[in-house]
Amino acid sequence: MTGSETSPSFRLAYVPGVTPAKWVRIWNERLPDVPLTLHQVSAGEAAEVLRSGAADAGFLRLPVDRTELSAIPLYTETSVVVVPKDHLIAAFDEVSVDDLADEILQHPLDDTLDWERPPGRPAIERPATTPDALELVAAGVGLLIVPQSLARLYHRRDLVYRTITGAPQSQVALSWREDRTTDQVEDFIGIVRGRTVNSSRGRRTAEEAQQKPSGKKEHKGQKAQQGQSGGKGGGAARGKAPAGRGPRRGAGAAAKDAGGRGRPRRRS
């Protein structure tokens, strides 16, 4: 569906932890006659919301089934472990997955991290949601590993979080149905990619929109193509990762204890 087959408003879904305010503001400045409505959805239902047509596009976490949906990866989030404020780990800046081998780890059903095998010892039951898991952590029942944006979103004064290395990371993407690549969807893609209002590539063709760009090689190709056409702005969007340090492995990051297992790094 392209061209004039568009809805009177643009419906944008987003999962918890994603902040679309910047792109919404630009949309309202450029397209004041097309209202943009926001719909927060859970990570588990985001893809189905797009497939059903309940939203025109959405920010979700990968992976996603590409048979119906196109997706543009935007940024990768830092993973953190959430612990009670008085827990030993709270004294360190950074820990590794191996440091949690003896800990109970909560693994909620809406977990957004693609674990091959979660670390630590499993809890007796899996909580239904991330907020439910955080309630258990606050009660002293295990720890929780989540993207940093979720740790911030569900912040509690009795909990702290620390960067963790060796854990999967969550990748946020803009996604939409390939067969519903409307002009409005292309307009929003242009905004997310950072194209200016006067860019010669301000609106992509349906064929381009159905491609699934990812990786540096494709980014360079798009940039070269844009330079030939005289367009301003960038090729693939450079989505900014949330504030915070990424995983570090500096010298002295973990000292070996008597058992041979790396200890977490103590806060300075």
C-alpha atoms as a PDB file:
ATOM      1  CA  MET A   1       0.000   0.000   0.000  1.00  0.00           C
ATOM      2  CA  THR A   2       1.618   3.275  -1.093  1.00  0.00           C
ATOM      3  CA  GLY A   3       0.827   6.777  -2.237  1.00  0.00           C
ATOM      4  CA  SER A   4      -2.559   8.194  -1.258  1.00  0.00           C
ATOM      5  CA  GLU A   5      -3.686   5.067   0.647  1.00  0.00           C
ATOM      6  CA  THR A   6      -2.759   6.559   4.005  1.00  0.00           C
ATOM      7  CA  SER A   7      -4.629   6.995   7.255  1.00  0.00           C
ATOM      8  CA  PRO A   8      -5.699  10.514   8.376  1.00  0.00           C
ATOM      9  CA  SER A   9      -3.207  10.217  11.227  1.00  0.00           C
ATOM     10  CA  PHE A  10       0.090   8.415  11.746  1.00  0.00           C
ATOM     11  CA  ARG A  11      -0.002   5.755  14.444  1.00  0.00           C
ATOM     12  CA  LEU A  12       3.348   5.037  16.074  1.00  0.00           C
ATOM     13  CA  ALA A  13       3.861   2.165  18.521  1.00  0.00           C
ATOM     14  CA  TYR A  14       6.816   1.915  20.889  1.00  0.00           C
ATOM     15  CA  VAL A  15       7.983  -0.524  23.526  1.00  0.00           C
ATOM     16  CA  PRO A  16       8.869   0.460  27.124  1.00  0.00           C
ATOM     17  CA  GLY A  17      12.289   2.052  27.423  1.00  0.00           C
ATOM     18  CA  VAL A  18      12.224   3.687  23.978  1.00  0.00           C
ATOM     19  CA  THR A  19      11.808   7.477  23.953  1.00  0.00           C
ATOM     20  CA  PRO A  20      10.352   8.684  20.610  1.00  0.00           C
ATOM     21  CA  ALA A  21       9.872  12.337  21.683  1.00  0.00           C
ATOM     22  CA  LYS A  22      12.637  13.734  19.441  1.00  0.00           C
ATOM     23  CA  TRP A  23      11.217  12.180  16.273  1.00  0.00           C
ATOM     24  CA  VAL A  24       7.645  13.072  17.198  1.00  0.00           C
ATOM     25  CA  ARG A  25       8.644  16.713  17.614  1.00  0.00           C
ATOM     26  CA  ILE A  26      10.237  16.799  14.151  1.00  0.00           C
ATOM     27  CA  TRP A  27       7.151  15.127  12.662  1.00  0.00           C
ATOM     28  CA  ASN A  28       4.863  17.755  14.179  1.00  0.00           C
ATOM     29  CA  GLU A  29       7.064  20.529  12.797  1.00  0.00           C
ATOM     30  CA  ARG A  30       7.196  19.114   9.270  1.00  0.00           C
ATOM     31  CA  LEU A  31       3.717  17.605   8.990  1.00  0.00           C
ATOM     32  CA  PRO A  32       1.441  19.681  11.227  1.00  0.00           C
ATOM     33  CA  ASP A  33      -1.660  18.607   9.272  1.00  0.00           C
ATOM     34  CA  VAL A  34      -1.090  14.906   9.979  1.00  0.00           C
ATOM     35  CA  PRO A  35      -1.576  14.129  13.683  1.00  0.00           C
ATOM     36  CA  LEU A  36       0.808  11.542  15.147  1.00  0.00           C
ATOM     37  CA  THR A  37      -0.630   9.320  17.856  1.00  0.00           C
ATOM     38  CA  LEU A  38       1.590   7.320  20.201  1.00  0.00           C
ATOM     39  CA  HIS A  39       0.767   3.840  21.483  1.00  0.00           C
ATOM     40  CA  GLN A  40       2.949   2.146  24.096  1.00  0.00           C
ATOM     41  CA  VAL A  41       2.858  -1.632  23.727  1.00  0.00           C
ATOM     42  CA  SER A  42       4.654  -4.459  25.481  1.00  0.00           C
ATOM     43  CA  ALA A  43       7.729  -5.965  23.872  1.00  0.00           C
ATOM     44  CA  GLY A  44       5.864  -9.215  23.290  1.00  0.00           C
ATOM     45  CA  GLU A  45       2.954  -7.674  21.402  1.00  0.00           C
ATOM     46  CA  ALA A  46       4.802  -5.045  19.356  1.00  0.00           C
ATOM     47  CA  ALA A  47       5.259  -7.142  16.205  1.00  0.00           C
ATOM     48  CA  GLU A  48       1.626  -8.271  16.180  1.00  0.00           C
ATOM     49  CA  VAL A  49       0.433  -4.664  16.560  1.00  0.00           C
ATOM     50  CA  LEU A  50       2.267  -3.848  13.325  1.00  0.00           C
ATOM     51  CA  ARG A  51       1.078  -6.971  11.503  1.00  0.00           C
ATOM     52  CA  SER A  52      -2.553  -6.313  12.433  1.00  0.00           C
ATOM     53  CA  GLY A  53      -2.406  -2.733  11.168  1.00  0.00           C
ATOM     54  CA  ALA A  54      -3.128  -1.239  14.607  1.00  0.00           C
ATOM     55  CA  ALA A  55      -0.018   0.916  14.105  1.00  0.00           C
ATOM     56  CA  ASP A  56       1.648   2.233  10.951  1.00  0.00           C
ATOM     57  CA  ALA A  57       5.182   1.854  12.318  1.00  0.00           C
ATOM     58  CA  GLY A  58       6.817   1.143  15.621  1.00  0.00           C
ATOM     59  CA  PHE A  59       9.978   1.061  17.682  1.00  0.00           C
ATOM     60  CA  LEU A  60      10.584  -2.479  18.905  1.00  0.00           C
ATOM     61  CA  ARG A  61      13.409  -4.734  19.994  1.00  0.00           C
ATOM     62  CA  LEU A  62      15.020  -7.218  17.647  1.00  0.00           C
ATOM     63  CA  PRO A  63      14.839  -9.976  16.602  1.00  0.00           C
ATOM     64  CA  VAL A  64      11.651  -9.713  14.548  1.00  0.00           C
ATOM     65  CA  ASP A  65      10.247 -11.971  11.833  1.00  0.00           C
ATOM     66  CA  ARG A  66      11.270 -10.370   8.516  1.00  0.00           C
ATOM     67  CA  THR A  67       8.774 -12.290   6.385  1.00  0.00           C
ATOM     68  CA  GLU A  68       6.194  -9.509   6.802  1.00  0.00           C
ATOM     69  CA  LEU A  69       8.015  -6.738   8.617  1.00  0.00           C
ATOM     70  CA  SER A  70      10.863  -4.496   7.533  1.00  0.00           C
ATOM     71  CA  ALA A  71      13.199  -3.204  10.226  1.00  0.00           C
ATOM     72  CA  ILE A  72      15.942  -0.585  10.418  1.00  0.00           C
ATOM     73  CA  PRO A  73      18.296  -1.237  13.371  1.00  0.00           C
ATOM     74  CA  LEU A  74      18.916   2.030  15.231  1.00  0.00           C
ATOM     75  CA  TYR A  75      21.055   1.401  18.305  1.00  0.00           C
ATOM     76  CA  THR A  76      22.177  -1.249  20.768  1.00  0.00           C
ATOM     77  CA  GLU A  77      21.497  -0.855  24.470  1.00  0.00           C
ATOM     78  CA  THR A  78      23.870  -1.540  27.342  1.00  0.00           C
ATOM     79  CA  SER A  79      22.820  -4.454  29.562  1.00  0.00           C
ATOM     80  CA  VAL A  80      22.827  -3.998  33.337  1.00  0.00           C
ATOM     81  CA  VAL A  81      22.152  -6.131  36.397  1.00  0.00           C
ATOM     82  CA  VAL A  82      19.645  -4.775  38.914  1.00  0.00           C
ATOM     83  CA  VAL A  83      20.360  -5.547  42.571  1.00  0.00           C
ATOM     84  CA  PRO A  84      19.165  -4.405  46.013  1.00  0.00           C
ATOM     85  CA  LYS A  85      20.933  -1.261  47.215  1.00  0.00           C
ATOM     86  CA  ASP A  86      22.732  -3.141  50.001  1.00  0.00           C
ATOM     87  CA  HIS A  87      23.881  -6.040  47.782  1.00  0.00           C
ATOM     88  CA  LEU A  88      27.632  -6.733  47.430  1.00  0.00           C
ATOM     89  CA  ILE A  89      27.487  -6.006  43.683  1.00  0.00           C
ATOM     90  CA  ALA A  90      26.363  -2.431  44.425  1.00  0.00           C
ATOM     91  CA  ALA A  91      29.954  -1.693  45.502  1.00  0.00           C
ATOM     92  CA  PHE A  92      31.301  -2.264  41.991  1.00  0.00           C
ATOM     93  CA  ASP A  93      31.135  -0.312  38.726  1.00  0.00           C
ATOM     94  CA  GLU A  94      31.012  -3.370  36.499  1.00  0.00           C
ATOM     95  CA  VAL A  95      30.535  -7.112  36.846  1.00  0.00           C
ATOM     96  CA  SER A  96      30.571 -10.078  34.484  1.00  0.00           C
ATOM     97  CA  VAL A  97      28.057 -12.836  33.919  1.00  0.00           C
ATOM     98  CA  ASP A  98      30.483 -15.267  35.584  1.00  0.00           C
ATOM     99  CA  ASP A  99      30.270 -13.218  38.797  1.00  0.00           C
ATOM    100  CA  LEU A 100      26.587 -14.156  39.060  1.00  0.00           C
ATOM    101  CA  ALA A 101      27.080 -17.936  38.924  1.00  0.00           C
ATOM    102  CA  ASP A 102      25.877 -18.412  42.497  1.00  0.00           C
ATOM    103  CA  GLU A 103      23.062 -15.855  42.371  1.00  0.00           C
ATOM    104  CA  ILE A 104      19.367 -16.475  41.709  1.00  0.00           C
ATOM    105  CA  LEU A 105      18.465 -14.719  38.454  1.00  0.00           C
ATOM    106  CA  GLN A 106      14.916 -13.664  37.681  1.00  0.00           C
ATOM    107  CA  HIS A 107      13.943 -14.383  34.060  1.00  0.00           C
ATOM    108  CA  PRO A 108      10.550 -12.755  33.336  1.00  0.00           C
ATOM    109  CA  LEU A 109       8.334 -13.998  30.516  1.00  0.00           C
ATOM    110  CA  ASP A 110       8.635 -10.624  28.760  1.00  0.00           C
ATOM    111  CA  ASP A 111      12.457 -10.714  28.864  1.00  0.00           C
ATOM    112  CA  THR A 112      13.890  -8.710  25.948  1.00  0.00           C
ATOM    113  CA  LEU A 113      17.368 -10.305  25.985  1.00  0.00           C
ATOM    114  CA  ASP A 114      18.005 -13.241  23.678  1.00  0.00           C
ATOM    115  CA  TRP A 115      19.613 -15.684  26.113  1.00  0.00           C
ATOM    116  CA  GLU A 116      20.963 -18.985  24.893  1.00  0.00           C
ATOM    117  CA  ARG A 117      21.058 -19.942  28.551  1.00  0.00           C
ATOM    118  CA  PRO A 118      20.434 -17.442  31.373  1.00  0.00           C
ATOM    119  CA  PRO A 119      23.251 -17.315  33.950  1.00  0.00           C
ATOM    120  CA  GLY A 120      23.055 -18.023  37.651  1.00  0.00           C
ATOM    121  CA  ARG A 121      20.496 -20.208  39.357  1.00  0.00           C
ATOM    122  CA  PRO A 122      16.890 -20.076  38.082  1.00  0.00           C
ATOM    123  CA  ALA A 123      14.084 -18.877  40.331  1.00  0.00           C
ATOM    124  CA  ILE A 124      11.332 -21.310  41.255  1.00  0.00           C
ATOM    125  CA  GLU A 125       8.879 -19.527  38.932  1.00  0.00           C
ATOM    126  CA  ARG A 126       9.295 -17.054  36.104  1.00  0.00           C
ATOM    127  CA  PRO A 127       7.530 -13.734  36.828  1.00  0.00           C
ATOM    128  CA  ALA A 128       5.139 -12.542  34.135  1.00  0.00           C
ATOM    129  CA  THR A 129       6.624  -9.094  33.567  1.00  0.00           C
ATOM    130  CA  THR A 130       9.792  -7.093  34.170  1.00  0.00           C
ATOM    131  CA  PRO A 131       8.077  -4.912  36.835  1.00  0.00           C
ATOM    132  CA  ASP A 132       7.009  -8.118  38.620  1.00  0.00           C
ATOM    133  CA  ALA A 133      10.612  -9.348  38.523  1.00  0.00           C
ATOM    134  CA  LEU A 134      11.833  -6.050  39.979  1.00  0.00           C
ATOM    135  CA  GLU A 135       9.391  -6.398  42.862  1.00  0.00           C
ATOM    136  CA  LEU A 136      11.002  -9.754  43.667  1.00  0.00           C
ATOM    137  CA  VAL A 137      14.508  -8.278  43.446  1.00  0.00           C
ATOM    138  CA  ALA A 138      13.466  -5.498  45.837  1.00  0.00           C
ATOM    139  CA  ALA A 139      12.185  -8.172  48.211  1.00  0.00           C
ATOM    140  CA  GLY A 140      15.612  -9.825  48.162  1.00  0.00           C
ATOM    141  CA  VAL A 141      14.627 -12.687  45.846  1.00  0.00           C
ATOM    142  CA  GLY A 142      17.293 -12.831  43.164  1.00  0.00           C
ATOM    143  CA  LEU A 143      18.723 -10.347  40.670  1.00  0.00           C
ATOM    144  CA  LEU A 144      17.626  -9.208  37.201  1.00  0.00           C
ATOM    145  CA  ILE A 145      19.480  -8.421  33.957  1.00  0.00           C
ATOM    146  CA  VAL A 146      17.766  -5.934  31.638  1.00  0.00           C
ATOM    147  CA  PRO A 147      18.578  -3.251  29.035  1.00  0.00           C
ATOM    148  CA  GLN A 148      19.691  -0.068  30.785  1.00  0.00           C
ATOM    149  CA  SER A 149      16.671   1.855  29.486  1.00  0.00           C
ATOM    150  CA  LEU A 150      14.325  -0.481  31.375  1.00  0.00           C
ATOM    151  CA  ALA A 151      16.376  -0.174  34.560  1.00  0.00           C
ATOM    152  CA  ARG A 152      15.941   3.595  34.280  1.00  0.00           C
ATOM    153  CA  LEU A 153      12.266   3.411  33.391  1.00  0.00           C
ATOM    154  CA  TYR A 154      11.419   1.226  36.387  1.00  0.00           C
ATOM    155  CA  HIS A 155      13.883   2.895  38.766  1.00  0.00           C
ATOM    156  CA  ARG A 156      13.297   2.382  42.486  1.00  0.00           C
ATOM    157  CA  ARG A 157      15.125   4.016  45.368  1.00  0.00           C
ATOM    158  CA  ASP A 158      15.823   0.636  46.971  1.00  0.00           C
ATOM    159  CA  LEU A 159      17.483  -0.789  43.841  1.00  0.00           C
ATOM    160  CA  VAL A 160      20.640   0.034  41.860  1.00  0.00           C
ATOM    161  CA  TYR A 161      22.018  -1.273  38.580  1.00  0.00           C
ATOM    162  CA  ARG A 162      25.525  -1.971  37.333  1.00  0.00           C
ATOM    163  CA  THR A 163      26.961  -2.595  33.857  1.00  0.00           C
ATOM    164  CA  ILE A 164      27.381  -6.290  33.095  1.00  0.00           C
ATOM    165  CA  THR A 165      29.706  -7.858  30.536  1.00  0.00           C
ATOM    166  CA  GLY A 166      29.129 -11.159  28.746  1.00  0.00           C
ATOM    167  CA  ALA A 167      25.345 -10.691  28.587  1.00  0.00           C
ATOM    168  CA  PRO A 168      23.246 -10.352  25.404  1.00  0.00           C
ATOM    169  CA  GLN A 169      22.357  -6.796  24.402  1.00  0.00           C
ATOM    170  CA  SER A 170      19.039  -5.456  23.166  1.00  0.00           C
ATOM    171  CA  GLN A 171      18.886  -3.825  19.731  1.00  0.00           C
ATOM    172  CA  VAL A 172      16.147  -1.262  19.045  1.00  0.00           C
ATOM    173  CA  ALA A 173      14.770  -0.912  15.520  1.00  0.00           C
ATOM    174  CA  LEU A 174      12.132   1.012  13.570  1.00  0.00           C
ATOM    175  CA  SER A 175       9.777  -1.500  11.966  1.00  0.00           C
ATOM    176  CA  TRP A 176       6.714  -1.509   9.695  1.00  0.00           C
ATOM    177  CA  ARG A 177       4.779  -3.840   7.397  1.00  0.00           C
ATOM    178  CA  GLU A 178       6.403  -4.149   4.001  1.00  0.00           C
ATOM    179  CA  ASP A 179       3.086  -4.149   2.155  1.00  0.00           C
ATOM    180  CA  ARG A 180       1.987  -0.996   3.988  1.00  0.00           C
ATOM    181  CA  THR A 181       4.895   1.250   3.111  1.00  0.00           C
ATOM    182  CA  THR A 182       2.826   4.423   2.770  1.00  0.00           C
ATOM    183  CA  ASP A 183       4.117   7.918   2.051  1.00  0.00           C
ATOM    184  CA  GLN A 184       3.673   8.671   5.739  1.00  0.00           C
ATOM    185  CA  VAL A 185       5.823   5.684   6.691  1.00  0.00           C
ATOM    186  CA  GLU A 186       8.498   6.904   4.275  1.00  0.00           C
ATOM    187  CA  ASP A 187       8.264  10.390   5.753  1.00  0.00           C
ATOM    188  CA  PHE A 188       8.851   8.975   9.226  1.00  0.00           C
ATOM    189  CA  ILE A 189      11.744   6.819   8.011  1.00  0.00           C
ATOM    190  CA  GLY A 190      13.326   9.973   6.621  1.00  0.00           C
ATOM    191  CA  ILE A 191      12.949  11.737   9.964  1.00  0.00           C
ATOM    192  CA  VAL A 192      14.499   8.847  11.886  1.00  0.00           C
ATOM    193  CA  ARG A 193      17.363   8.648   9.387  1.00  0.00           C
ATOM    194  CA  GLY A 194      18.080  12.326   9.944  1.00  0.00           C
ATOM    195  CA  ARG A 195      17.190  13.610   6.503  1.00  0.00           C
ATOM    196  CA  THR A 196      16.521  17.319   6.211  1.00  0.00           C
ATOM    197  CA  VAL A 197      13.235  18.678   4.913  1.00  0.00           C
ATOM    198  CA  ASN A 198      14.987  19.751   1.679  1.00  0.00           C
ATOM    199  CA  SER A 199      16.793  16.468   1.136  1.00  0.00           C
ATOM    200  CA  SER A 200      16.440  14.968  -2.318  1.00  0.00           C
ATOM    201  CA  ARG A 201      15.931  11.661  -0.523  1.00  0.00           C
ATOM    202  CA  GLY A 202      13.380  12.985   1.937  1.00  0.00           C
ATOM    203  CA  ARG A 203      10.910  10.358   0.751  1.00  0.00           C
ATOM    204  CA  ARG A 204      12.073   6.911  -0.259  1.00  0.00           C
ATOM    205  CA  THR A 205      10.555   4.778  -2.971  1.00  0.00           C
ATOM    206  CA  ALA A 206       8.525   1.723  -1.948  1.00  0.00           C
ATOM    207  CA  GLU A 207      11.262  -0.507  -3.350  1.00  0.00           C
ATOM    208  CA  GLU A 208      13.889   1.094  -1.091  1.00  0.00           C
ATOM    209  CA  ALA A 209      11.612   0.939   1.935  1.00  0.00           C
ATOM    210  CA  GLN A 210      11.216  -2.820   1.536  1.00  0.00           C
ATOM    211  CA  GLN A 211      14.948  -3.388   1.814  1.00  0.00           C
ATOM    212  CA  LYS A 212      16.349  -4.472   5.176  1.00  0.00           C
ATOM    213  CA  PRO A 213      19.498  -2.390   5.719  1.00  0.00           C
ATOM    214  CA  SER A 214      21.963  -3.408   8.372  1.00  0.00           C
ATOM    215  CA  GLY A 215      25.700  -3.174   8.927  1.00  0.00           C
ATOM    216  CA  LYS A 216      28.408  -0.686   7.953  1.00  0.00           C
ATOM    217  CA  LYS A 217      28.788  -1.922   4.387  1.00  0.00           C
ATOM    218  CA  GLU A 218      25.265  -0.957   3.435  1.00  0.00           C
ATOM    219  CA  HIS A 219      25.564   2.337   5.302  1.00  0.00           C
ATOM    220  CA  LYS A 220      28.566   3.317   3.168  1.00  0.00           C
ATOM    221  CA  GLY A 221      26.750   2.334   0.009  1.00  0.00           C
ATOM    222  CA  GLN A 222      23.810   4.546   0.871  1.00  0.00           C
ATOM    223  CA  LYS A 223      26.120   7.432   1.711  1.00  0.00           C
ATOM    224  CA  ALA A 224      27.907   7.098  -1.621  1.00  0.00           C
ATOM    225  CA  GLN A 225      24.602   7.004  -3.488  1.00  0.00           C
ATOM    226  CA  GLN A 226      23.431  10.110  -1.656  1.00  0.00           C
ATOM    227  CA  GLY A 227      26.649  11.957  -2.492  1.00  0.00           C
ATOM    228  CA  GLN A 228      26.074  11.259  -6.211  1.00  0.00           C
ATOM    229  CA  SER A 229      22.541  12.610  -6.065  1.00  0.00           C
ATOM    230  CA  GLY A 230      23.617  15.782  -4.200  1.00  0.00           C
ATOM    231  CA  GLY A 231      21.393  15.055  -1.191  1.00  0.00           C
ATOM    232  CA  LYS A 232      22.145  16.528   2.207  1.00  0.00           C
ATOM    233  CA  GLY A 233      22.174  14.665   5.492  1.00  0.00           C
ATOM    234  CA  GLY A 234      23.183  11.104   6.213  1.00  0.00           C
ATOM    235  CA  GLY A 235      22.358   7.712   4.765  1.00  0.00           C
ATOM    236  CA  ALA A 236      21.414   5.260   7.519  1.00  0.00           C
ATOM    237  CA  ALA A 237      20.264   6.906  10.748  1.00  0.00           C
ATOM    238  CA  ARG A 238      22.787   7.107  13.512  1.00  0.00           C
ATOM    239  CA  GLY A 239      20.495   6.368  16.459  1.00  0.00           C
ATOM    240  CA  LYS A 240      22.103   7.422  19.729  1.00  0.00           C
ATOM    241  CA  ALA A 241      22.501   4.740  22.309  1.00  0.00           C
ATOM    242  CA  PRO A 242      21.119   5.553  25.779  1.00  0.00           C
ATOM    243  CA  ALA A 243      23.458   7.426  28.105  1.00  0.00           C
ATOM    244  CA  GLY A 244      25.766   5.195  30.097  1.00  0.00           C
ATOM    245  CA  ARG A 245      28.963   3.282  29.730  1.00  0.00           C
ATOM    246  CA  GLY A 246      29.221   0.245  27.530  1.00  0.00           C
ATOM    247  CA  PRO A 247      30.897  -2.925  28.795  1.00  0.00           C
ATOM    248  CA  ARG A 248      34.582  -2.424  29.643  1.00  0.00           C
ATOM    249  CA  ARG A 249      37.428  -4.878  29.921  1.00  0.00           C
ATOM    250  CA  GLY A 250      40.299  -2.685  31.072  1.00  0.00           C
ATOM    251  CA  ALA A 251      43.403  -3.816  32.830  1.00  0.00           C
ATOM    252  CA  GLY A 252      42.662  -4.844  36.351  1.00  0.00           C
ATOM    253  CA  ALA A 253      38.911  -5.008  35.671  1.00  0.00           C
ATOM    254  CA  ALA A 254      38.656  -8.241  37.614  1.00  0.00           C
ATOM    255  CA  ALA A 255      41.146  -9.846  39.956  1.00  0.00           C
ATOM    256  CA  LYS A 256      41.303 -13.579  40.273  1.00  0.00           C
ATOM    257  CA  ASP A 257      40.253 -14.923  43.656  1.00  0.00           C
ATOM    258  CA  ALA A 258      41.496 -18.093  45.320  1.00  0.00           C
ATOM    259  CA  GLY A 259      38.967 -20.147  43.352  1.00  0.00           C
ATOM    260  CA  GLY A 260      40.129 -18.761  40.041  1.00  0.00           C
ATOM    261  CA  ARG A 261      36.889 -16.918  39.241  1.00  0.00           C
ATOM    262  CA  GLY A 262      37.040 -13.254  38.290  1.00  0.00           C
ATOM    263  CA  ARG A 263      35.798 -10.822  40.923  1.00  0.00           C
ATOM    264  CA  PRO A 264      33.727  -7.768  39.961  1.00  0.00           C
ATOM    265  CA  ARG A 265      35.471  -4.389  39.875  1.00  0.00           C
ATOM    266  CA  ARG A 266      35.026  -2.307  43.026  1.00  0.00           C
ATOM    267  CA  ARG A 267      33.616   1.192  42.686  1.00  0.00           C
ATOM    268  CA  SER A 268      36.196   3.972  43.111  1.00  0.00           C
END
